[in-house]
Amino acid sequence: MPENAPEIVADKLQTELANIEFERANITDGSPWSSNSFVNDLNLPECLKNALYDLKVDRLSKIQKVVIPKLIAGENVVAQSQSGTGKTITFLVAAFQKVDPELFHTQVLIVLPTLELALQVCHVAEHIGKNNPEVRVRQVLRKERIEADLKEHIIIGTPGKLLELILRMRRIDCSQLRM
């Protein structure tokens, strides 16, 4: 990793934030929890569709219908929707879709503000991962000691731990992130 990698990441984040598209699920025309779209309407591999069915998702919420295709297409999206409308599943489905399991480096970094939310997202990622065993997921939480570079495809953690692993310990290479 180049010595100026933290500055490159920070510059890229600032540039990306300046170009973010704000998407807000339209919840004024009925329930935000359902749309007239189904999992089969998404262009997803069968393993991801099966993961959604295992999570009892067959009909997409409005946030899922709008945001999943945009994230998979590589668009920057800030989405807001009520609790329980499937935002975690939305983000994780796109994350699993973006990973190339044949490349053995970190491709998705998920930063969550609290330990509780990070644990919740890890739990859902584990369920999706059961149908996608070739995609490796790692949670880095609390005081866990990391002795070697992390090569998992998706890494989930809190800001303090991730900053320690990226900047101080240099255990996560952010140069090839896809999401």
Foldseek 3Di string as FASTA:
>chain_A
DDPCQVVVVVVVVVVLVVVADEDEQDPPPDHQQFDPDFLVVDPADPLQSVLCVVVVGTTAGSCLVPQLVCLLVLHHYDYDDDPPNCPLVSVLSSLVSQFDLVQQAAAAEAEDADPVVLVVSVVSNVSSCVSVVSQFEEEDEDPDDDDAAHRGHYYTYYPVRVCCCVPVVNRHDPPNYSD
